[in-house]
C-alpha atoms as a PDB file:
ATOM      1  CA  MET A   1     -25.169 -15.893   1.403  1.00  0.00           C
ATOM      2  CA  VAL A   2     -21.790 -14.652   0.268  1.00  0.00           C
ATOM      3  CA  LEU A   3     -22.515 -15.366  -3.243  1.00  0.00           C
ATOM      4  CA  TYR A   4     -25.770 -13.596  -2.975  1.00  0.00           C
ATOM      5  CA  LEU A   5     -24.445 -10.303  -1.343  1.00  0.00           C
ATOM      6  CA  PHE A   6     -20.885 -10.050  -3.019  1.00  0.00           C
ATOM      7  CA  GLY A   7     -20.924 -12.380  -5.927  1.00  0.00           C
ATOM      8  CA  SER A   8     -17.836 -14.496  -4.713  1.00  0.00           C
ATOM      9  CA  LYS A   9     -15.385 -14.808  -1.884  1.00  0.00           C
ATOM     10  CA  ALA A  10     -12.930 -12.691  -3.802  1.00  0.00           C
ATOM     11  CA  ASP A  11     -15.363  -9.618  -4.059  1.00  0.00           C
ATOM     12  CA  LEU A  12     -16.103  -9.902  -0.432  1.00  0.00           C
ATOM     13  CA  PHE A  13     -12.367  -9.970   0.244  1.00  0.00           C
ATOM     14  CA  ARG A  14     -11.973  -6.884  -1.941  1.00  0.00           C
ATOM     15  CA  GLU A  15     -14.791  -5.069  -0.224  1.00  0.00           C
ATOM     16  CA  SER A  16     -13.346  -5.915   3.214  1.00  0.00           C
ATOM     17  CA  LEU A  17     -10.181  -4.352   2.147  1.00  0.00           C
ATOM     18  CA  ARG A  18     -11.849  -1.278   0.827  1.00  0.00           C
ATOM     19  CA  LEU A  19     -13.545  -0.725   4.279  1.00  0.00           C
ATOM     20  CA  ILE A  20     -10.110  -0.855   5.860  1.00  0.00           C
ATOM     21  CA  VAL A  21      -7.780   0.777   3.437  1.00  0.00           C
ATOM     22  CA  ASP A  22      -9.425   3.859   2.143  1.00  0.00           C
ATOM     23  CA  PRO A  23      -7.297   5.071  -0.839  1.00  0.00           C
ATOM     24  CA  THR A  24      -8.710   8.699  -0.337  1.00  0.00           C
ATOM     25  CA  LEU A  25      -6.805   8.760   2.980  1.00  0.00           C
ATOM     26  CA  LEU A  26      -3.573   7.896   1.165  1.00  0.00           C
ATOM     27  CA  VAL A  27      -4.253  10.322  -1.516  1.00  0.00           C
ATOM     28  CA  ALA A  28      -4.973  13.116   1.004  1.00  0.00           C
ATOM     29  CA  ALA A  29      -1.769  12.279   2.902  1.00  0.00           C
ATOM     30  CA  MET A  30       0.194  13.015  -0.579  1.00  0.00           C
ATOM     31  CA  ALA A  31      -1.005  16.523  -0.675  1.00  0.00           C
ATOM     32  CA  GLY A  32       1.558  19.147   0.269  1.00  0.00           C
ATOM     33  CA  ASP A  33       5.259  19.634  -0.385  1.00  0.00           C
ATOM     34  CA  GLU A  34       6.552  17.068  -2.977  1.00  0.00           C
ATOM     35  CA  GLY A  35       9.829  16.665  -1.115  1.00  0.00           C
ATOM     36  CA  THR A  36       8.095  14.894   1.880  1.00  0.00           C
ATOM     37  CA  ILE A  37       5.309  13.044  -0.015  1.00  0.00           C
ATOM     38  CA  GLY A  38       6.858   9.707   1.050  1.00  0.00           C
ATOM     39  CA  GLU A  39       6.910  10.713   4.534  1.00  0.00           C
ATOM     40  CA  ARG A  40       3.284  11.547   4.733  1.00  0.00           C
ATOM     41  CA  LEU A  41       2.257   8.427   2.560  1.00  0.00           C
ATOM     42  CA  VAL A  42       4.249   6.205   4.762  1.00  0.00           C
ATOM     43  CA  ALA A  43       2.964   7.539   7.836  1.00  0.00           C
ATOM     44  CA  GLN A  44      -0.737   7.225   6.824  1.00  0.00           C
ATOM     45  CA  TYR A  45      -0.131   3.681   5.513  1.00  0.00           C
ATOM     46  CA  LEU A  46       1.414   2.638   8.784  1.00  0.00           C
ATOM     47  CA  ARG A  47      -1.185   4.280  10.872  1.00  0.00           C
ATOM     48  CA  ILE A  48      -3.635   1.819   9.333  1.00  0.00           C
ATOM     49  CA  TRP A  49      -1.287  -1.078  10.400  1.00  0.00           C
ATOM     50  CA  GLU A  50      -1.014   0.417  13.965  1.00  0.00           C
ATOM     51  CA  GLU A  51      -4.479   1.164  14.691  1.00  0.00           C
ATOM     52  CA  PRO A  52      -5.966  -1.494  17.071  1.00  0.00           C
ATOM     53  CA  GLU A  53      -9.297  -1.607  15.201  1.00  0.00           C
ATOM     54  CA  THR A  54      -7.656  -2.235  11.749  1.00  0.00           C
ATOM     55  CA  ALA A  55      -4.367  -3.979  12.601  1.00  0.00           C
ATOM     56  CA  PRO A  56      -5.518  -7.583  12.966  1.00  0.00           C
ATOM     57  CA  SER A  57      -7.636  -7.479   9.845  1.00  0.00           C
ATOM     58  CA  MET A  58      -4.851  -6.044   7.683  1.00  0.00           C
ATOM     59  CA  ALA A  59      -2.486  -8.782   8.901  1.00  0.00           C
ATOM     60  CA  VAL A  60      -4.932 -11.570   8.095  1.00  0.00           C
ATOM     61  CA  MET A  61      -5.688  -9.972   4.763  1.00  0.00           C
ATOM     62  CA  LEU A  62      -2.071  -9.831   3.921  1.00  0.00           C
ATOM     63  CA  GLN A  63      -1.381 -13.292   5.139  1.00  0.00           C
ATOM     64  CA  SER A  64      -4.224 -14.570   3.112  1.00  0.00           C
ATOM     65  CA  ALA A  65      -3.240 -12.812  -0.007  1.00  0.00           C
ATOM     66  CA  THR A  66       0.177 -14.685   0.208  1.00  0.00           C
ATOM     67  CA  SER A  67      -1.414 -18.155   0.751  1.00  0.00           C
ATOM     68  CA  ASN A  68      -4.931 -18.307  -0.889  1.00  0.00           C
ATOM     69  CA  ALA A  69      -5.449 -17.918  -4.617  1.00  0.00           C
ATOM     70  CA  ASP A  70      -8.900 -16.226  -4.248  1.00  0.00           C
ATOM     71  CA  ALA A  71      -7.472 -13.773  -1.653  1.00  0.00           C
ATOM     72  CA  ASN A  72      -4.494 -13.143  -3.951  1.00  0.00           C
ATOM     73  CA  ASP A  73      -6.647 -12.294  -6.803  1.00  0.00           C
ATOM     74  CA  ALA A  74      -8.868 -10.153  -4.647  1.00  0.00           C
ATOM     75  CA  PHE A  75      -5.768  -8.355  -3.148  1.00  0.00           C
ATOM     76  CA  ARG A  76      -4.191  -7.695  -6.608  1.00  0.00           C
ATOM     77  CA  THR A  77      -7.418  -6.417  -8.080  1.00  0.00           C
ATOM     78  CA  PHE A  78      -7.964  -4.091  -5.049  1.00  0.00           C
ATOM     79  CA  MET A  79      -4.380  -2.826  -5.294  1.00  0.00           C
ATOM     80  CA  ARG A  80      -4.545  -2.238  -9.052  1.00  0.00           C
ATOM     81  CA  THR A  81      -8.280  -0.853  -9.118  1.00  0.00           C
ATOM     82  CA  TYR A  82      -8.387   1.272  -6.043  1.00  0.00           C
ATOM     83  CA  VAL A  83      -5.035   2.051  -4.424  1.00  0.00           C
ATOM     84  CA  LEU A  84      -2.572   2.291  -7.316  1.00  0.00           C
ATOM     85  CA  THR A  85      -5.187   4.037  -9.532  1.00  0.00           C
ATOM     86  CA  ALA A  86      -5.761   6.728  -6.589  1.00  0.00           C
ATOM     87  CA  VAL A  87      -2.075   7.145  -5.749  1.00  0.00           C
ATOM     88  CA  SER A  88      -0.774   7.282  -9.389  1.00  0.00           C
ATOM     89  CA  GLY A  89      -3.454   9.971 -10.099  1.00  0.00           C
ATOM     90  CA  VAL A  90      -1.827  12.312  -7.784  1.00  0.00           C
ATOM     91  CA  ILE A  91       1.608  11.931  -9.683  1.00  0.00           C
ATOM     92  CA  GLY A  92       0.236  12.087 -13.219  1.00  0.00           C
ATOM     93  CA  GLY A  93      -2.076   9.034 -13.787  1.00  0.00           C
ATOM     94  CA  ASP A  94      -0.215   7.678 -16.896  1.00  0.00           C
ATOM     95  CA  GLU A  95       1.446   4.220 -17.085  1.00  0.00           C
ATOM     96  CA  GLN A  96       4.693   5.463 -15.700  1.00  0.00           C
ATOM     97  CA  ALA A  97       2.909   7.001 -12.658  1.00  0.00           C
ATOM     98  CA  ARG A  98       1.218   3.571 -12.109  1.00  0.00           C
ATOM     99  CA  LEU A  99       4.673   1.961 -12.207  1.00  0.00           C
ATOM    100  CA  ARG A 100       5.973   4.382  -9.737  1.00  0.00           C
ATOM    101  CA  ALA A 101       3.134   3.795  -7.444  1.00  0.00           C
ATOM    102  CA  MET A 102       3.694   0.038  -7.769  1.00  0.00           C
ATOM    103  CA  LEU A 103       7.240   0.520  -6.971  1.00  0.00           C
ATOM    104  CA  ALA A 104       6.333   2.402  -3.782  1.00  0.00           C
ATOM    105  CA  ALA A 105       3.775  -0.129  -2.816  1.00  0.00           C
ATOM    106  CA  THR A 106       6.308  -2.906  -2.804  1.00  0.00           C
ATOM    107  CA  SER A 107       8.409  -1.105  -0.346  1.00  0.00           C
ATOM    108  CA  MET A 108       5.402  -0.431   1.719  1.00  0.00           C
ATOM    109  CA  VAL A 109       3.696  -3.844   1.514  1.00  0.00           C
ATOM    110  CA  GLY A 110       6.931  -5.518   1.934  1.00  0.00           C
ATOM    111  CA  THR A 111       7.701  -3.525   5.113  1.00  0.00           C
ATOM    112  CA  ALA A 112       4.160  -4.281   6.469  1.00  0.00           C
ATOM    113  CA  LEU A 113       4.685  -8.090   5.600  1.00  0.00           C
ATOM    114  CA  MET A 114       7.889  -8.143   7.493  1.00  0.00           C
ATOM    115  CA  ARG A 115       6.897  -6.117  10.425  1.00  0.00           C
ATOM    116  CA  TYR A 116       3.397  -6.950  11.050  1.00  0.00           C
ATOM    117  CA  VAL A 117       2.827 -10.564   9.495  1.00  0.00           C
ATOM    118  CA  ILE A 118       6.055 -12.268   9.789  1.00  0.00           C
ATOM    119  CA  LYS A 119       7.301  -9.903  12.605  1.00  0.00           C
ATOM    120  CA  VAL A 120      10.978 -10.014  11.884  1.00  0.00           C
ATOM    121  CA  PRO A 121      13.228  -8.122  14.273  1.00  0.00           C
ATOM    122  CA  PRO A 122      14.592  -5.427  14.231  1.00  0.00           C
ATOM    123  CA  LEU A 123      11.995  -4.066  11.790  1.00  0.00           C
ATOM    124  CA  ALA A 124       9.094  -5.371  13.950  1.00  0.00           C
ATOM    125  CA  THR A 125      10.516  -3.856  17.096  1.00  0.00           C
ATOM    126  CA  LEU A 126      11.459  -0.429  15.651  1.00  0.00           C
ATOM    127  CA  PRO A 127       9.233   2.484  16.848  1.00  0.00           C
ATOM    128  CA  VAL A 128       6.942   3.495  14.006  1.00  0.00           C
ATOM    129  CA  GLU A 129       8.478   6.978  13.770  1.00  0.00           C
ATOM    130  CA  ASP A 130      11.833   5.168  12.649  1.00  0.00           C
ATOM    131  CA  VAL A 131      10.231   2.964  10.242  1.00  0.00           C
ATOM    132  CA  VAL A 132       8.738   6.131   8.624  1.00  0.00           C
ATOM    133  CA  ARG A 133      12.169   7.823   8.674  1.00  0.00           C
ATOM    134  CA  VAL A 134      13.814   5.152   6.887  1.00  0.00           C
ATOM    135  CA  LEU A 135      11.247   4.102   4.434  1.00  0.00           C
ATOM    136  CA  ALA A 136      10.013   7.487   3.468  1.00  0.00           C
ATOM    137  CA  PRO A 137      13.056   8.444   1.366  1.00  0.00           C
ATOM    138  CA  THR A 138      12.768   5.415  -0.813  1.00  0.00           C
ATOM    139  CA  VAL A 139       8.892   5.983  -1.244  1.00  0.00           C
ATOM    140  CA  THR A 140       9.583   9.520  -2.126  1.00  0.00           C
ATOM    141  CA  ARG A 141      12.230   8.642  -4.652  1.00  0.00           C
ATOM    142  CA  TYR A 142       9.874   6.171  -6.437  1.00  0.00           C
ATOM    143  CA  LEU A 143       7.213   8.704  -6.582  1.00  0.00           C
ATOM    144  CA  ILE A 144       9.081  11.944  -7.668  1.00  0.00           C
ATOM    145  CA  ALA A 145      12.604  11.097  -8.908  1.00  0.00           C
ATOM    146  CA  ASP A 146      13.743  11.741 -12.501  1.00  0.00           C
ATOM    147  CA  ALA A 147      12.517   8.813 -14.542  1.00  0.00           C
ATOM    148  CA  ASP A 148      16.287   8.219 -15.905  1.00  0.00           C
ATOM    149  CA  GLU A 149      17.438   8.177 -12.508  1.00  0.00           C
ATOM    150  CA  LEU A 150      15.198   5.399 -11.692  1.00  0.00           C
ATOM    151  CA  GLY A 151      15.825   3.565 -14.812  1.00  0.00           C
ATOM    152  CA  LEU A 152      12.099   3.423 -15.634  1.00  0.00           C
ATOM    153  CA  PRO A 153      11.271   2.121 -19.161  1.00  0.00           C
ATOM    154  CA  ASP A 154       9.423   3.914 -21.532  1.00  0.00           C
ATOM    155  CA  LEU A 155       5.574   2.940 -21.116  1.00  0.00           C
END
């Protein structure tokens, strides 16, 4: 039935992610003052992880992506095709913007892995507002800092 409806397990996984992580919400959060772009983006991303309706699915999907080849492929494709394309579009859409979006994603996904999946204190026990406050400057820097300051290669 999975093959008939979705084509593969990876396609099912990818569609499940799309239902939970709507890239348009992340893009909408990026609108506004450039200096606080990271704060809004991180807050929206963590909201998905904190919501009782989506948190368990997010944890299972991220854990699966780290331990199952099909889930890993689906997660990678979802990130590249939907999330990174949408986020990088806000900051220029070129290859350098995609790299910036990827760098920001490494901070956010890494934070989610340590906080919600592996549950390592003190990160796992900090109030979400504190996590936003400490993570947002890094995400903002990745998204808007001068390319030379970041040491970004010419792409």
